[in-house]
Amino acid sequence: MPSGEERTPHPLIALTAQMMETWHWAATKGMESAAANLFSYDPRQLRTRWLTDLSRTADEYMRSPLFLQLMQHGLGTITRAAHLFSPLPPRSK
């Protein structure tokens, strides 16, 4: 490859990088939330805040276009594989 050209990363590498960045962000927010409530006398407040942050983070990640693309690819792969190894004969139309 000539020195002036850039390689385009594989799409799954980009998906993995986004997932890792999202979970790193979530871990950071979780630690901040824990530190803010470290001396709280009511553990239910900590649990509620943590679950709210976790729910919001998971919702944002699972609605991202890259996650949906990854799920579509995975389900398509499973479907194709199941069709190839089906014990039943193919249906005639």
C-alpha atoms as a PDB file:
ATOM      1  CA  MET A   1       0.000   0.000   0.000  1.00  0.00           C
ATOM      2  CA  PRO A   2       1.492   3.416  -0.907  1.00  0.00           C
ATOM      3  CA  SER A   3       2.331   5.579   2.073  1.00  0.00           C
ATOM      4  CA  GLY A   4      -0.258   8.279   1.260  1.00  0.00           C
ATOM      5  CA  GLU A   5      -3.329   5.979   1.312  1.00  0.00           C
ATOM      6  CA  GLU A   6      -5.427   5.183   4.375  1.00  0.00           C
ATOM      7  CA  ARG A   7      -7.054   1.821   5.009  1.00  0.00           C
ATOM      8  CA  THR A   8     -10.758   1.764   5.774  1.00  0.00           C
ATOM      9  CA  PRO A   9     -11.412  -0.301   8.925  1.00  0.00           C
ATOM     10  CA  HIS A  10     -13.736  -3.285   8.724  1.00  0.00           C
ATOM     11  CA  PRO A  11     -17.343  -2.371   9.763  1.00  0.00           C
ATOM     12  CA  LEU A  12     -17.310  -4.861  12.655  1.00  0.00           C
ATOM     13  CA  ILE A  13     -14.211  -3.161  14.057  1.00  0.00           C
ATOM     14  CA  ALA A  14     -16.124   0.130  14.056  1.00  0.00           C
ATOM     15  CA  LEU A  15     -19.081  -1.586  15.794  1.00  0.00           C
ATOM     16  CA  THR A  16     -16.805  -3.078  18.432  1.00  0.00           C
ATOM     17  CA  ALA A  17     -15.090   0.248  19.016  1.00  0.00           C
ATOM     18  CA  GLN A  18     -18.449   1.980  19.469  1.00  0.00           C
ATOM     19  CA  MET A  19     -19.612  -0.717  21.880  1.00  0.00           C
ATOM     20  CA  MET A  20     -16.424  -0.417  23.940  1.00  0.00           C
ATOM     21  CA  GLU A  21     -16.695   3.387  24.047  1.00  0.00           C
ATOM     22  CA  THR A  22     -20.349   3.148  25.140  1.00  0.00           C
ATOM     23  CA  TRP A  23     -19.632   0.686  27.935  1.00  0.00           C
ATOM     24  CA  HIS A  24     -16.603   2.721  29.046  1.00  0.00           C
ATOM     25  CA  TRP A  25     -18.868   5.773  29.241  1.00  0.00           C
ATOM     26  CA  ALA A  26     -21.443   3.759  31.200  1.00  0.00           C
ATOM     27  CA  ALA A  27     -18.787   2.506  33.627  1.00  0.00           C
ATOM     28  CA  THR A  28     -17.554   6.060  34.151  1.00  0.00           C
ATOM     29  CA  LYS A  29     -21.086   7.307  34.801  1.00  0.00           C
ATOM     30  CA  GLY A  30     -21.673   4.412  37.181  1.00  0.00           C
ATOM     31  CA  MET A  31     -18.540   5.248  39.145  1.00  0.00           C
ATOM     32  CA  GLU A  32     -19.534   8.924  39.291  1.00  0.00           C
ATOM     33  CA  SER A  33     -22.987   7.932  40.483  1.00  0.00           C
ATOM     34  CA  ALA A  34     -21.522   5.620  43.124  1.00  0.00           C
ATOM     35  CA  ALA A  35     -19.099   8.301  44.310  1.00  0.00           C
ATOM     36  CA  ALA A  36     -21.889  10.869  44.547  1.00  0.00           C
ATOM     37  CA  ASN A  37     -23.977   8.526  46.702  1.00  0.00           C
ATOM     38  CA  LEU A  38     -21.154   6.940  48.683  1.00  0.00           C
ATOM     39  CA  PHE A  39     -22.299   8.418  51.973  1.00  0.00           C
ATOM     40  CA  SER A  40     -26.001   8.180  51.287  1.00  0.00           C
ATOM     41  CA  TYR A  41     -27.882   6.478  54.102  1.00  0.00           C
ATOM     42  CA  ASP A  42     -30.590   5.107  51.844  1.00  0.00           C
ATOM     43  CA  PRO A  43     -29.295   2.442  49.404  1.00  0.00           C
ATOM     44  CA  ARG A  44     -32.576   2.614  47.483  1.00  0.00           C
ATOM     45  CA  GLN A  45     -31.634   6.061  46.168  1.00  0.00           C
ATOM     46  CA  LEU A  46     -28.334   4.699  44.882  1.00  0.00           C
ATOM     47  CA  ARG A  47     -30.083   1.721  43.290  1.00  0.00           C
ATOM     48  CA  THR A  48     -32.722   3.924  41.640  1.00  0.00           C
ATOM     49  CA  ARG A  49     -30.143   6.327  40.250  1.00  0.00           C
ATOM     50  CA  TRP A  50     -27.899   3.495  39.038  1.00  0.00           C
ATOM     51  CA  LEU A  51     -30.771   1.642  37.354  1.00  0.00           C
ATOM     52  CA  THR A  52     -31.969   4.858  35.700  1.00  0.00           C
ATOM     53  CA  ASP A  53     -28.493   5.522  34.268  1.00  0.00           C
ATOM     54  CA  LEU A  54     -28.123   1.892  33.205  1.00  0.00           C
ATOM     55  CA  SER A  55     -31.533   1.858  31.537  1.00  0.00           C
ATOM     56  CA  ARG A  56     -30.852   5.081  29.639  1.00  0.00           C
ATOM     57  CA  THR A  57     -27.425   3.890  28.487  1.00  0.00           C
ATOM     58  CA  ALA A  58     -28.689   0.488  27.345  1.00  0.00           C
ATOM     59  CA  ASP A  59     -31.639   2.088  25.553  1.00  0.00           C
ATOM     60  CA  GLU A  60     -29.400   4.535  23.675  1.00  0.00           C
ATOM     61  CA  TYR A  61     -26.951   1.776  22.712  1.00  0.00           C
ATOM     62  CA  MET A  62     -29.606  -0.690  21.576  1.00  0.00           C
ATOM     63  CA  ARG A  63     -31.272   1.949  19.380  1.00  0.00           C
ATOM     64  CA  SER A  64     -28.030   3.002  17.687  1.00  0.00           C
ATOM     65  CA  PRO A  65     -27.862   2.315  13.944  1.00  0.00           C
ATOM     66  CA  LEU A  66     -24.635   0.344  14.308  1.00  0.00           C
ATOM     67  CA  PHE A  67     -26.109  -1.983  16.947  1.00  0.00           C
ATOM     68  CA  LEU A  68     -29.201  -2.567  14.826  1.00  0.00           C
ATOM     69  CA  GLN A  69     -26.981  -3.321  11.827  1.00  0.00           C
ATOM     70  CA  LEU A  70     -24.978  -5.812  13.906  1.00  0.00           C
ATOM     71  CA  MET A  71     -28.176  -7.533  15.071  1.00  0.00           C
ATOM     72  CA  GLN A  72     -29.499  -7.691  11.504  1.00  0.00           C
ATOM     73  CA  HIS A  73     -26.244  -9.270  10.348  1.00  0.00           C
ATOM     74  CA  GLY A  74     -26.237 -11.774  13.226  1.00  0.00           C
ATOM     75  CA  LEU A  75     -29.867 -12.801  12.731  1.00  0.00           C
ATOM     76  CA  GLY A  76     -29.332 -13.107   8.989  1.00  0.00           C
ATOM     77  CA  THR A  77     -26.338 -15.366   9.574  1.00  0.00           C
ATOM     78  CA  ILE A  78     -28.290 -17.578  11.970  1.00  0.00           C
ATOM     79  CA  THR A  79     -31.227 -17.777   9.569  1.00  0.00           C
ATOM     80  CA  ARG A  80     -29.032 -18.726   6.621  1.00  0.00           C
ATOM     81  CA  ALA A  81     -27.207 -21.336   8.695  1.00  0.00           C
ATOM     82  CA  ALA A  82     -30.488 -22.876   9.924  1.00  0.00           C
ATOM     83  CA  HIS A  83     -31.752 -23.100   6.349  1.00  0.00           C
ATOM     84  CA  LEU A  84     -28.566 -24.857   5.194  1.00  0.00           C
ATOM     85  CA  PHE A  85     -28.772 -27.544   7.899  1.00  0.00           C
ATOM     86  CA  SER A  86     -32.505 -28.107   8.056  1.00  0.00           C
ATOM     87  CA  PRO A  87     -33.420 -31.787   8.512  1.00  0.00           C
ATOM     88  CA  LEU A  88     -36.614 -31.261   6.493  1.00  0.00           C
ATOM     89  CA  PRO A  89     -36.635 -31.429   2.705  1.00  0.00           C
ATOM     90  CA  PRO A  90     -37.185 -28.089   0.949  1.00  0.00           C
ATOM     91  CA  ARG A  91     -40.798 -27.254   0.148  1.00  0.00           C
ATOM     92  CA  SER A  92     -41.848 -27.222  -3.479  1.00  0.00           C
ATOM     93  CA  LYS A  93     -43.773 -24.201  -4.631  1.00  0.00           C
END
